[in-house]
């Protein structure tokens, strides 16, 4: 199998709950994109943005082409996008709070989520490692 197991696992759950309907096929990718929009709002909040900045950031992500496409198609990239956004949020929290426990959240999201979804997570981690060292 060329891809890690996360996408197949989520799709199996969707098939068991909804059968072979389009709702079951696309529900989890839509939820993943909605979570990415919500995490983007929290990024703006963490960086000191007011209500207008938070809404603008969330709407910019919600109406950009990549999340709109990923939310309507069930692909492994739908979940990969969520993990990248979540890790970026955890890095922002690490830098603003200066609490080393956020490294655990970054590692959990990258390992349990990202690497189980798509192997391109290694590029993100290599970029963070190169900027830290």
N, C-alpha and C. Protein backbone atom coordinates (compact mmCIF):
# COMPACT_ATOMS: atom_id res chain seq x y z
N UNK A 1 0.85 -1.17 0.00
CA UNK A 1 0.00 0.00 0.00
C UNK A 1 0.90 1.24 0.00
N UNK A 2 0.56 2.18 -0.83
CA UNK A 2 1.41 3.35 -1.02
C UNK A 2 1.16 4.45 0.01
N UNK A 3 0.06 4.39 0.71
CA UNK A 3 -0.30 5.46 1.63
C UNK A 3 -0.43 4.93 3.06
N UNK A 4 -0.17 5.79 4.04
CA UNK A 4 -0.37 5.38 5.43
C UNK A 4 -1.84 5.08 5.73
N UNK A 5 -2.15 4.46 6.86
CA UNK A 5 -3.48 3.91 7.08
C UNK A 5 -4.58 4.87 7.55
N UNK A 6 -4.28 6.11 7.90
CA UNK A 6 -5.30 6.97 8.51
C UNK A 6 -6.53 7.16 7.60
N UNK A 7 -6.31 7.48 6.33
CA UNK A 7 -7.41 7.76 5.42
C UNK A 7 -8.29 6.53 5.23
N UNK A 8 -7.68 5.38 5.10
CA UNK A 8 -8.45 4.15 4.93
C UNK A 8 -9.24 3.81 6.19
N UNK A 9 -8.66 4.09 7.34
CA UNK A 9 -9.36 3.85 8.61
C UNK A 9 -10.59 4.74 8.73
N UNK A 10 -10.43 6.02 8.43
CA UNK A 10 -11.56 6.96 8.52
C UNK A 10 -12.64 6.60 7.50
N UNK A 11 -12.24 6.21 6.31
CA UNK A 11 -13.22 5.84 5.29
C UNK A 11 -13.97 4.57 5.68
N UNK A 12 -13.30 3.65 6.32
CA UNK A 12 -13.98 2.43 6.79
C UNK A 12 -15.05 2.78 7.82
N UNK A 13 -14.75 3.72 8.70
CA UNK A 13 -15.74 4.17 9.68
C UNK A 13 -16.92 4.80 8.96
N UNK A 14 -16.65 5.66 7.96
CA UNK A 14 -17.72 6.28 7.20
C UNK A 14 -18.58 5.26 6.46
N UNK A 15 -17.96 4.24 5.90
CA UNK A 15 -18.72 3.19 5.22
C UNK A 15 -19.58 2.39 6.18
N UNK A 16 -19.07 2.13 7.36
CA UNK A 16 -19.84 1.37 8.35
C UNK A 16 -21.04 2.17 8.86
N UNK A 17 -20.87 3.47 9.04
CA UNK A 17 -21.95 4.30 9.58
C UNK A 17 -22.97 4.67 8.51
N UNK A 18 -22.50 5.12 7.33
CA UNK A 18 -23.39 5.68 6.32
C UNK A 18 -23.60 4.80 5.10
N UNK A 19 -22.89 3.72 5.00
CA UNK A 19 -22.97 2.91 3.79
C UNK A 19 -22.20 3.58 2.67
N UNK A 20 -22.62 3.31 1.44
CA UNK A 20 -21.89 3.87 0.29
C UNK A 20 -22.53 5.16 -0.23
N UNK A 21 -22.95 6.02 0.67
CA UNK A 21 -23.55 7.30 0.26
C UNK A 21 -22.48 8.37 0.14
N UNK A 22 -22.79 9.43 -0.59
CA UNK A 22 -21.86 10.54 -0.73
C UNK A 22 -21.68 11.29 0.58
N UNK A 23 -22.71 11.30 1.41
CA UNK A 23 -22.58 11.96 2.72
C UNK A 23 -21.51 11.27 3.54
N UNK A 24 -21.55 9.97 3.60
CA UNK A 24 -20.55 9.22 4.35
C UNK A 24 -19.17 9.35 3.76
N UNK A 25 -19.11 9.48 2.43
CA UNK A 25 -17.82 9.59 1.77
C UNK A 25 -17.15 10.93 2.05
N UNK A 26 -17.94 12.00 2.11
CA UNK A 26 -17.35 13.34 2.20
C UNK A 26 -17.49 14.00 3.56
N UNK A 27 -18.18 13.39 4.49
CA UNK A 27 -18.41 14.02 5.79
C UNK A 27 -17.12 14.28 6.55
N UNK A 28 -16.25 13.31 6.62
CA UNK A 28 -15.05 13.47 7.44
C UNK A 28 -14.06 14.45 6.84
N UNK A 29 -13.98 14.52 5.52
CA UNK A 29 -13.10 15.53 4.92
C UNK A 29 -13.67 16.93 5.12
N UNK A 30 -14.99 17.06 5.12
CA UNK A 30 -15.60 18.36 5.40
C UNK A 30 -15.36 18.77 6.85
N UNK A 31 -15.45 17.83 7.77
CA UNK A 31 -15.17 18.11 9.18
C UNK A 31 -13.71 18.52 9.35
N UNK A 32 -12.80 17.85 8.65
CA UNK A 32 -11.37 18.19 8.74
C UNK A 32 -11.13 19.62 8.27
N UNK A 33 -11.78 20.03 7.20
CA UNK A 33 -11.58 21.39 6.71
C UNK A 33 -12.23 22.42 7.63
N UNK A 34 -13.35 22.08 8.23
CA UNK A 34 -13.97 22.99 9.20
C UNK A 34 -13.07 23.16 10.42
N UNK A 35 -12.43 22.10 10.85
CA UNK A 35 -11.49 22.20 11.97
C UNK A 35 -10.28 23.05 11.59
N UNK A 36 -9.83 22.96 10.34
CA UNK A 36 -8.71 23.78 9.90
C UNK A 36 -9.08 25.26 9.93
N UNK A 37 -10.31 25.59 9.57
CA UNK A 37 -10.78 26.98 9.64
C UNK A 37 -10.83 27.44 11.09
N UNK A 38 -11.31 26.59 11.97
CA UNK A 38 -11.39 26.94 13.40
C UNK A 38 -10.00 27.13 14.00
N UNK A 39 -9.07 26.27 13.66
CA UNK A 39 -7.70 26.40 14.17
C UNK A 39 -7.05 27.68 13.64
N UNK A 40 -7.37 28.05 12.41
CA UNK A 40 -6.86 29.31 11.86
C UNK A 40 -7.37 30.49 12.66
N UNK A 41 -8.60 30.44 13.08
CA UNK A 41 -9.15 31.50 13.94
C UNK A 41 -8.39 31.57 15.25
N UNK A 42 -8.05 30.42 15.82
CA UNK A 42 -7.29 30.40 17.06
C UNK A 42 -5.86 30.91 16.86
N UNK A 43 -5.31 30.70 15.67
CA UNK A 43 -3.98 31.26 15.37
C UNK A 43 -4.03 32.77 15.42
N UNK A 44 -5.05 33.35 14.79
CA UNK A 44 -5.18 34.81 14.80
C UNK A 44 -5.37 35.33 16.22
N UNK A 45 -6.13 34.61 17.03
CA UNK A 45 -6.32 34.99 18.42
C UNK A 45 -5.02 34.93 19.19
N UNK A 46 -4.25 33.88 18.98
CA UNK A 46 -2.99 33.71 19.69
C UNK A 46 -1.97 34.77 19.31
N UNK A 47 -2.03 35.25 18.08
CA UNK A 47 -1.10 36.27 17.63
C UNK A 47 -1.56 37.68 17.96
N UNK A 48 -2.63 37.78 18.75
CA UNK A 48 -3.07 39.08 19.24
C UNK A 48 -4.11 39.76 18.38
N UNK A 49 -4.68 39.07 17.45
CA UNK A 49 -5.70 39.66 16.59
C UNK A 49 -7.02 39.81 17.30
N UNK A 50 -7.70 40.87 17.00
CA UNK A 50 -9.03 41.10 17.55
C UNK A 50 -10.08 40.29 16.81
N UNK A 51 -11.32 40.58 17.08
CA UNK A 51 -12.42 39.82 16.47
C UNK A 51 -12.39 39.93 14.94
N UNK A 52 -12.13 41.14 14.43
CA UNK A 52 -12.09 41.32 12.98
C UNK A 52 -10.97 40.51 12.35
N UNK A 53 -9.80 40.49 12.97
CA UNK A 53 -8.68 39.71 12.44
C UNK A 53 -8.98 38.21 12.47
N UNK A 54 -9.63 37.75 13.52
CA UNK A 54 -9.97 36.34 13.63
C UNK A 54 -10.97 35.93 12.56
N UNK A 55 -12.00 36.75 12.38
CA UNK A 55 -13.01 36.44 11.37
C UNK A 55 -12.41 36.52 9.97
N UNK A 56 -11.57 37.51 9.73
CA UNK A 56 -10.94 37.64 8.42
C UNK A 56 -10.04 36.45 8.12
N UNK A 57 -9.25 36.03 9.09
CA UNK A 57 -8.37 34.87 8.88
C UNK A 57 -9.18 33.61 8.61
N UNK A 58 -10.23 33.40 9.39
CA UNK A 58 -11.06 32.21 9.20
C UNK A 58 -11.76 32.24 7.85
N UNK A 59 -12.29 33.39 7.46
CA UNK A 59 -12.96 33.48 6.16
C UNK A 59 -11.99 33.35 5.00
N UNK A 60 -10.77 33.88 5.17
CA UNK A 60 -9.77 33.74 4.11
C UNK A 60 -9.44 32.28 3.86
N UNK A 61 -9.35 31.51 4.92
CA UNK A 61 -9.08 30.07 4.76
C UNK A 61 -10.32 29.34 4.25
N UNK A 62 -11.48 29.70 4.78
CA UNK A 62 -12.70 29.00 4.39
C UNK A 62 -13.01 29.16 2.90
N UNK A 63 -12.70 30.33 2.34
CA UNK A 63 -13.04 30.59 0.94
C UNK A 63 -11.84 30.48 0.00
N UNK A 64 -10.72 30.01 0.49
CA UNK A 64 -9.58 29.80 -0.41
C UNK A 64 -9.79 28.47 -1.16
N UNK A 65 -9.22 28.34 -2.34
CA UNK A 65 -9.52 27.17 -3.18
C UNK A 65 -9.12 25.82 -2.59
N UNK A 66 -7.98 25.73 -1.93
CA UNK A 66 -7.54 24.42 -1.46
C UNK A 66 -8.48 23.81 -0.42
N UNK A 67 -8.84 24.52 0.66
CA UNK A 67 -9.78 23.91 1.60
C UNK A 67 -11.16 23.65 1.01
N UNK A 68 -11.60 24.50 0.10
CA UNK A 68 -12.90 24.26 -0.52
C UNK A 68 -12.88 22.97 -1.33
N UNK A 69 -11.80 22.74 -2.05
CA UNK A 69 -11.69 21.50 -2.82
C UNK A 69 -11.52 20.30 -1.90
N UNK A 70 -10.65 20.43 -0.92
CA UNK A 70 -10.37 19.30 -0.02
C UNK A 70 -11.60 18.92 0.81
N UNK A 71 -12.47 19.86 1.08
CA UNK A 71 -13.67 19.56 1.84
C UNK A 71 -14.73 18.83 1.05
N UNK A 72 -14.63 18.87 -0.28
CA UNK A 72 -15.63 18.20 -1.10
C UNK A 72 -15.16 16.88 -1.67
N UNK A 73 -13.91 16.56 -1.51
CA UNK A 73 -13.35 15.31 -2.01
C UNK A 73 -12.74 14.54 -0.85
N UNK A 74 -12.91 13.24 -0.86
CA UNK A 74 -12.30 12.43 0.19
C UNK A 74 -10.96 11.93 -0.31
N UNK A 75 -9.91 12.59 0.12
CA UNK A 75 -8.55 12.22 -0.25
C UNK A 75 -7.67 12.31 0.99
N UNK A 76 -6.52 11.71 0.93
CA UNK A 76 -5.60 11.77 2.05
C UNK A 76 -5.08 13.17 2.28
N UNK A 77 -5.10 14.01 1.24
CA UNK A 77 -4.63 15.39 1.40
C UNK A 77 -5.58 16.23 2.24
N UNK A 78 -6.84 15.83 2.34
CA UNK A 78 -7.80 16.56 3.18
C UNK A 78 -7.36 16.54 4.64
N UNK A 79 -6.94 15.40 5.09
CA UNK A 79 -6.50 15.27 6.48
C UNK A 79 -5.08 15.80 6.67
N UNK A 80 -4.25 15.67 5.64
CA UNK A 80 -2.89 16.19 5.70
C UNK A 80 -2.91 17.70 5.91
N UNK A 81 -3.80 18.38 5.24
CA UNK A 81 -3.93 19.83 5.39
C UNK A 81 -4.28 20.19 6.83
N UNK A 82 -5.18 19.43 7.43
CA UNK A 82 -5.55 19.69 8.83
C UNK A 82 -4.36 19.53 9.75
N UNK A 83 -3.57 18.49 9.57
CA UNK A 83 -2.41 18.26 10.44
C UNK A 83 -1.38 19.37 10.30
N UNK A 84 -1.16 19.86 9.08
CA UNK A 84 -0.20 20.94 8.88
C UNK A 84 -0.66 22.21 9.60
N UNK A 85 -1.95 22.52 9.49
CA UNK A 85 -2.48 23.72 10.16
C UNK A 85 -2.40 23.55 11.68
N UNK A 86 -2.73 22.38 12.18
CA UNK A 86 -2.69 22.12 13.61
C UNK A 86 -1.26 22.22 14.15
N UNK A 87 -0.31 21.69 13.43
CA UNK A 87 1.09 21.77 13.88
C UNK A 87 1.56 23.22 13.84
N UNK A 88 1.16 23.98 12.84
CA UNK A 88 1.52 25.40 12.80
C UNK A 88 0.96 26.14 14.01
N UNK A 89 -0.26 25.79 14.40
CA UNK A 89 -0.84 26.40 15.60
C UNK A 89 -0.04 26.03 16.85
N UNK A 90 0.35 24.77 16.95
CA UNK A 90 1.13 24.35 18.11
C UNK A 90 2.50 25.04 18.15
N UNK A 91 3.09 25.28 16.99
CA UNK A 91 4.37 25.99 16.95
C UNK A 91 4.17 27.44 17.40
N UNK A 92 3.08 28.07 16.98
CA UNK A 92 2.78 29.43 17.45
C UNK A 92 2.62 29.44 18.96
N UNK A 93 1.92 28.46 19.50
CA UNK A 93 1.77 28.37 20.96
C UNK A 93 3.12 28.16 21.65
N UNK A 94 3.97 27.35 21.06
CA UNK A 94 5.31 27.11 21.61
C UNK A 94 6.11 28.40 21.66
N UNK A 95 6.04 29.17 20.59
CA UNK A 95 6.84 30.39 20.52
C UNK A 95 6.28 31.51 21.39
N UNK A 96 4.96 31.59 21.55
CA UNK A 96 4.39 32.67 22.35
C UNK A 96 4.40 32.37 23.84
N UNK A 97 4.26 31.11 24.21
CA UNK A 97 4.20 30.76 25.63
C UNK A 97 5.55 30.33 26.19
N UNK A 98 6.48 29.94 25.32
CA UNK A 98 7.79 29.46 25.75
C UNK A 98 7.68 28.32 26.75
N UNK A 99 6.73 27.42 26.48
CA UNK A 99 6.52 26.25 27.31
C UNK A 99 6.94 25.02 26.49
N UNK A 100 7.96 24.28 26.92
CA UNK A 100 8.44 23.16 26.12
C UNK A 100 7.46 22.01 26.00
N UNK A 101 6.38 22.02 26.76
CA UNK A 101 5.39 20.95 26.63
C UNK A 101 4.69 20.96 25.28
N UNK A 102 4.72 22.09 24.59
CA UNK A 102 4.10 22.14 23.27
C UNK A 102 4.83 21.28 22.26
N UNK A 103 6.09 20.93 22.56
CA UNK A 103 6.79 19.98 21.69
C UNK A 103 6.09 18.63 21.67
N UNK A 104 5.49 18.25 22.80
CA UNK A 104 4.74 16.99 22.84
C UNK A 104 3.52 17.04 21.92
N UNK A 105 2.83 18.17 21.93
CA UNK A 105 1.67 18.32 21.05
C UNK A 105 2.10 18.30 19.58
N UNK A 106 3.22 18.95 19.29
CA UNK A 106 3.73 18.95 17.91
C UNK A 106 4.09 17.52 17.50
N UNK A 107 4.78 16.82 18.38
CA UNK A 107 5.16 15.44 18.07
C UNK A 107 3.97 14.51 17.92
N UNK A 108 2.96 14.67 18.79
CA UNK A 108 1.77 13.83 18.69
C UNK A 108 1.00 14.10 17.40
N UNK A 109 0.86 15.37 17.06
CA UNK A 109 0.14 15.70 15.82
C UNK A 109 0.92 15.24 14.60
N UNK A 110 2.23 15.39 14.64
CA UNK A 110 3.04 14.98 13.50
C UNK A 110 3.12 13.46 13.39
N UNK A 111 3.28 12.79 14.50
CA UNK A 111 3.45 11.34 14.46
C UNK A 111 2.15 10.59 14.33
N UNK A 112 1.26 10.79 15.29
CA UNK A 112 0.01 10.03 15.31
C UNK A 112 -0.95 10.47 14.21
N UNK A 113 -0.86 11.74 13.82
CA UNK A 113 -1.76 12.22 12.78
C UNK A 113 -1.09 12.35 11.43
N UNK A 114 -0.09 13.21 11.37
CA UNK A 114 0.51 13.55 10.09
C UNK A 114 1.18 12.40 9.37
N UNK A 115 2.04 11.69 10.06
CA UNK A 115 2.76 10.58 9.41
C UNK A 115 1.86 9.39 9.14
N UNK A 116 0.72 9.31 9.82
CA UNK A 116 -0.24 8.25 9.54
C UNK A 116 -1.19 8.63 8.41
N UNK A 117 -1.07 9.88 7.93
CA UNK A 117 -1.91 10.35 6.84
C UNK A 117 -1.14 10.44 5.53
N UNK A 118 0.00 11.10 5.58
CA UNK A 118 0.79 11.30 4.36
C UNK A 118 2.24 11.53 4.76
N UNK A 119 3.14 10.98 3.99
CA UNK A 119 4.56 11.04 4.35
C UNK A 119 5.19 12.40 4.11
N UNK A 120 4.48 13.33 3.49
CA UNK A 120 5.04 14.66 3.27
C UNK A 120 5.19 15.44 4.58
N UNK A 121 4.66 14.91 5.65
CA UNK A 121 4.85 15.53 6.96
C UNK A 121 6.33 15.62 7.28
N UNK A 122 7.13 14.75 6.73
CA UNK A 122 8.58 14.79 6.95
C UNK A 122 9.18 16.10 6.46
N UNK A 123 8.63 16.68 5.39
CA UNK A 123 9.14 17.96 4.89
C UNK A 123 8.86 19.09 5.87
N UNK A 124 7.67 19.09 6.47
CA UNK A 124 7.35 20.10 7.47
C UNK A 124 8.27 19.96 8.68
N UNK A 125 8.45 18.75 9.14
CA UNK A 125 9.31 18.53 10.30
C UNK A 125 10.76 18.87 10.00
N UNK A 126 11.22 18.58 8.79
CA UNK A 126 12.58 18.94 8.40
C UNK A 126 12.74 20.46 8.36
N UNK A 127 11.72 21.16 7.92
CA UNK A 127 11.77 22.62 7.92
C UNK A 127 11.84 23.19 9.31
N UNK A 128 11.06 22.63 10.23
CA UNK A 128 11.12 23.09 11.63
C UNK A 128 12.47 22.76 12.25
N UNK A 129 12.99 21.59 11.95
CA UNK A 129 14.28 21.21 12.51
C UNK A 129 15.39 22.13 11.98
N UNK A 130 15.33 22.45 10.70
CA UNK A 130 16.34 23.32 10.09
C UNK A 130 16.27 24.73 10.66
N UNK A 131 15.09 25.19 10.99
CA UNK A 131 14.97 26.55 11.53
C UNK A 131 15.34 26.60 13.02
N UNK A 132 15.24 25.48 13.71
CA UNK A 132 15.58 25.47 15.14
C UNK A 132 17.06 25.23 15.38
N UNK A 133 17.71 24.53 14.51
CA UNK A 133 19.12 24.16 14.73
C UNK A 133 20.09 25.02 14.01
